[in-house]
C-alpha atoms as a PDB file:
ATOM      1  CA  MET A   1       7.808 -22.374  -5.328  1.00  0.00           C
ATOM      2  CA  THR A   2      10.214 -19.559  -6.787  1.00  0.00           C
ATOM      3  CA  ASP A   3      10.662 -16.067  -5.832  1.00  0.00           C
ATOM      4  CA  PRO A   4       7.541 -13.998  -7.276  1.00  0.00           C
ATOM      5  CA  THR A   5       9.643 -11.207  -7.963  1.00  0.00           C
ATOM      6  CA  THR A   6      12.303 -12.910 -10.130  1.00  0.00           C
ATOM      7  CA  ASN A   7      11.500 -13.438 -13.701  1.00  0.00           C
ATOM      8  CA  ALA A   8      14.841 -14.387 -15.593  1.00  0.00           C
ATOM      9  CA  ALA A   9      13.625 -12.773 -18.437  1.00  0.00           C
ATOM     10  CA  ALA A  10      13.220  -9.655 -17.091  1.00  0.00           C
ATOM     11  CA  PRO A  11      15.537  -6.742 -18.629  1.00  0.00           C
ATOM     12  CA  ALA A  12      18.181  -5.130 -15.811  1.00  0.00           C
ATOM     13  CA  GLY A  13      16.296  -2.738 -14.111  1.00  0.00           C
ATOM     14  CA  TRP A  14      13.043  -4.343 -14.048  1.00  0.00           C
ATOM     15  CA  THR A  15      11.134  -6.157 -11.519  1.00  0.00           C
ATOM     16  CA  PHE A  16       7.904  -7.980 -12.751  1.00  0.00           C
ATOM     17  CA  THR A  17       5.779  -9.732  -9.483  1.00  0.00           C
ATOM     18  CA  ASP A  18       3.012 -11.948  -8.942  1.00  0.00           C
ATOM     19  CA  SER A  19       1.393 -10.892  -5.861  1.00  0.00           C
ATOM     20  CA  GLY A  20      -1.079 -13.991  -6.140  1.00  0.00           C
ATOM     21  CA  ALA A  21       1.951 -15.981  -4.866  1.00  0.00           C
ATOM     22  CA  MET A  22       3.311 -13.595  -2.237  1.00  0.00           C
ATOM     23  CA  ASP A  23       2.101 -13.887   1.279  1.00  0.00           C
ATOM     24  CA  TRP A  24       0.725 -11.270   3.368  1.00  0.00           C
ATOM     25  CA  GLN A  25       3.733  -9.823   5.672  1.00  0.00           C
ATOM     26  CA  PRO A  26       2.359  -8.708   8.883  1.00  0.00           C
ATOM     27  CA  ILE A  27       3.399  -4.660   9.470  1.00  0.00           C
ATOM     28  CA  ALA A  28       0.800  -4.021  12.677  1.00  0.00           C
ATOM     29  CA  ALA A  29      -2.508  -5.805  14.271  1.00  0.00           C
ATOM     30  CA  GLY A  30      -4.876  -6.401  11.456  1.00  0.00           C
ATOM     31  CA  ALA A  31      -2.469  -4.939   8.458  1.00  0.00           C
ATOM     32  CA  GLY A  32      -0.454  -6.782   6.087  1.00  0.00           C
ATOM     33  CA  MET A  33       1.616  -5.659   2.711  1.00  0.00           C
ATOM     34  CA  LYS A  34       2.739  -7.361  -0.234  1.00  0.00           C
ATOM     35  CA  VAL A  35       5.849  -5.195  -1.675  1.00  0.00           C
ATOM     36  CA  LEU A  36       5.336  -5.393  -5.166  1.00  0.00           C
ATOM     37  CA  GLY A  37       8.389  -3.657  -6.581  1.00  0.00           C
ATOM     38  CA  ILE A  38      10.889  -1.500  -5.743  1.00  0.00           C
ATOM     39  CA  ALA A  39      12.687   1.298  -8.049  1.00  0.00           C
ATOM     40  CA  ASP A  40      14.914   4.136  -7.404  1.00  0.00           C
ATOM     41  CA  GLY A  41      13.559   4.826  -3.581  1.00  0.00           C
ATOM     42  CA  LYS A  42      10.333   4.750  -4.395  1.00  0.00           C
ATOM     43  CA  MET A  43       7.906   1.449  -3.524  1.00  0.00           C
ATOM     44  CA  ILE A  44       4.638  -0.011  -4.642  1.00  0.00           C
ATOM     45  CA  ALA A  45       3.048  -2.152  -2.364  1.00  0.00           C
ATOM     46  CA  THR A  46      -0.479  -3.835  -1.543  1.00  0.00           C
ATOM     47  CA  PHE A  47      -1.912  -3.411   1.970  1.00  0.00           C
ATOM     48  CA  LYS A  48      -4.678  -5.335   3.330  1.00  0.00           C
ATOM     49  CA  PHE A  49      -6.345  -4.102   6.725  1.00  0.00           C
ATOM     50  CA  GLU A  50      -8.902  -5.976   8.526  1.00  0.00           C
ATOM     51  CA  ALA A  51     -12.017  -4.761   9.567  1.00  0.00           C
ATOM     52  CA  GLY A  52     -11.769  -2.297  12.602  1.00  0.00           C
ATOM     53  CA  TYR A  53      -8.475  -1.411  11.232  1.00  0.00           C
ATOM     54  CA  VAL A  54      -7.117   2.302  12.741  1.00  0.00           C
ATOM     55  CA  GLY A  55      -3.877   3.334  11.164  1.00  0.00           C
ATOM     56  CA  GLY A  56      -1.395   5.392  13.257  1.00  0.00           C
ATOM     57  CA  VAL A  57      -0.507   9.076  12.701  1.00  0.00           C
ATOM     58  CA  HIS A  58       2.390   9.450   9.995  1.00  0.00           C
ATOM     59  CA  HIS A  59       4.190  12.015   8.296  1.00  0.00           C
ATOM     60  CA  HIS A  60       4.618  12.376   4.361  1.00  0.00           C
ATOM     61  CA  GLU A  61       8.255  12.910   3.671  1.00  0.00           C
ATOM     62  CA  GLU A  62       7.079  12.394  -0.377  1.00  0.00           C
ATOM     63  CA  PRO A  63       3.832  12.173  -2.227  1.00  0.00           C
ATOM     64  CA  GLU A  64       1.928   9.260  -1.469  1.00  0.00           C
ATOM     65  CA  PHE A  65      -0.641   8.084  -4.080  1.00  0.00           C
ATOM     66  CA  SER A  66      -3.248   5.295  -2.997  1.00  0.00           C
ATOM     67  CA  TYR A  67      -6.149   3.303  -4.743  1.00  0.00           C
ATOM     68  CA  ILE A  68      -8.843   1.120  -3.622  1.00  0.00           C
ATOM     69  CA  LEU A  69      -8.856  -2.485  -4.493  1.00  0.00           C
ATOM     70  CA  GLU A  70     -11.645  -3.907  -2.346  1.00  0.00           C
ATOM     71  CA  GLY A  71     -13.670  -2.385   0.698  1.00  0.00           C
ATOM     72  CA  SER A  72     -13.796   0.542   1.843  1.00  0.00           C
ATOM     73  CA  MET A  73     -11.821   3.226   4.072  1.00  0.00           C
ATOM     74  CA  VAL A  74     -12.289   6.725   5.912  1.00  0.00           C
ATOM     75  CA  SER A  75      -9.056   8.754   4.896  1.00  0.00           C
ATOM     76  CA  GLN A  76      -8.660  12.302   6.366  1.00  0.00           C
ATOM     77  CA  GLY A  77     -12.433  12.455   6.502  1.00  0.00           C
ATOM     78  CA  VAL A  78     -13.379  11.290   3.228  1.00  0.00           C
ATOM     79  CA  GLN A  79     -15.156   7.928   3.120  1.00  0.00           C
ATOM     80  CA  MET A  80     -13.505   5.913   0.045  1.00  0.00           C
ATOM     81  CA  GLU A  81     -15.060   2.917  -2.105  1.00  0.00           C
ATOM     82  CA  VAL A  82     -13.644   0.471  -4.130  1.00  0.00           C
ATOM     83  CA  GLY A  83     -12.155   2.687  -7.010  1.00  0.00           C
ATOM     84  CA  HIS A  84     -11.442   5.806  -5.334  1.00  0.00           C
ATOM     85  CA  ALA A  85      -7.802   7.253  -4.988  1.00  0.00           C
ATOM     86  CA  TYR A  86      -6.087   9.843  -2.961  1.00  0.00           C
ATOM     87  CA  ALA A  87      -2.763  11.555  -3.500  1.00  0.00           C
ATOM     88  CA  ALA A  88      -1.015  13.119  -0.153  1.00  0.00           C
ATOM     89  CA  GLN A  89       1.395  16.097  -1.046  1.00  0.00           C
ATOM     90  CA  MET A  90       4.915  15.904   0.328  1.00  0.00           C
ATOM     91  CA  GLY A  91       4.778  17.583   4.009  1.00  0.00           C
ATOM     92  CA  THR A  92       1.262  16.582   4.430  1.00  0.00           C
ATOM     93  CA  THR A  93       0.318  14.344   7.714  1.00  0.00           C
ATOM     94  CA  HIS A  94      -1.986  11.370   7.582  1.00  0.00           C
ATOM     95  CA  ASP A  95      -3.810  11.563  10.845  1.00  0.00           C
ATOM     96  CA  ASP A  96      -7.326   9.613   9.777  1.00  0.00           C
ATOM     97  CA  PHE A  97      -7.385   6.346   8.636  1.00  0.00           C
ATOM     98  CA  ARG A  98      -9.784   3.571   9.097  1.00  0.00           C
ATOM     99  CA  THR A  99     -11.859   1.147   7.841  1.00  0.00           C
ATOM    100  CA  GLU A 100     -15.079  -0.501   9.516  1.00  0.00           C
ATOM    101  CA  ASN A 101     -15.422  -3.331   7.301  1.00  0.00           C
ATOM    102  CA  GLY A 102     -11.868  -3.857   5.897  1.00  0.00           C
ATOM    103  CA  CYS A 103     -10.080  -2.095   3.100  1.00  0.00           C
ATOM    104  CA  THR A 104      -7.326  -3.439   0.346  1.00  0.00           C
ATOM    105  CA  LEU A 105      -5.645  -0.646  -1.368  1.00  0.00           C
ATOM    106  CA  VAL A 106      -2.290  -0.241  -3.525  1.00  0.00           C
ATOM    107  CA  SER A 107       0.046   2.457  -2.478  1.00  0.00           C
ATOM    108  CA  VAL A 108       3.264   4.164  -4.388  1.00  0.00           C
ATOM    109  CA  PHE A 109       5.350   6.103  -1.921  1.00  0.00           C
ATOM    110  CA  LYS A 110       9.034   6.721  -0.960  1.00  0.00           C
ATOM    111  CA  ILE A 111      10.459   4.147   1.417  1.00  0.00           C
ATOM    112  CA  PRO A 112      10.966   5.140   4.578  1.00  0.00           C
ATOM    113  CA  GLY A 113      13.843   6.256   6.093  1.00  0.00           C
END
């Protein structure tokens, strides 16, 4: 199989990704990630959280944008379903992130570090 992020026909500075050809990379117990692209210090990634997952508290150094693709979750006390999205401003703390039945979402954020 070829690298799903490689496209020889892509112009310089562009990345095209086939997420269906990628494996989920474990990031925590009950959570996986697929990095879809990186540019200028930002990342777009898909995350999959198993039923019962509870996320850890983290601080947003930059804005974060997420869109629910499958399942449902609660973020900051708000019940979110397929088609729902959130935008977290720079400087916010994410201290309530959980899914009862599982959830897959796509996020755009600054690369940590």
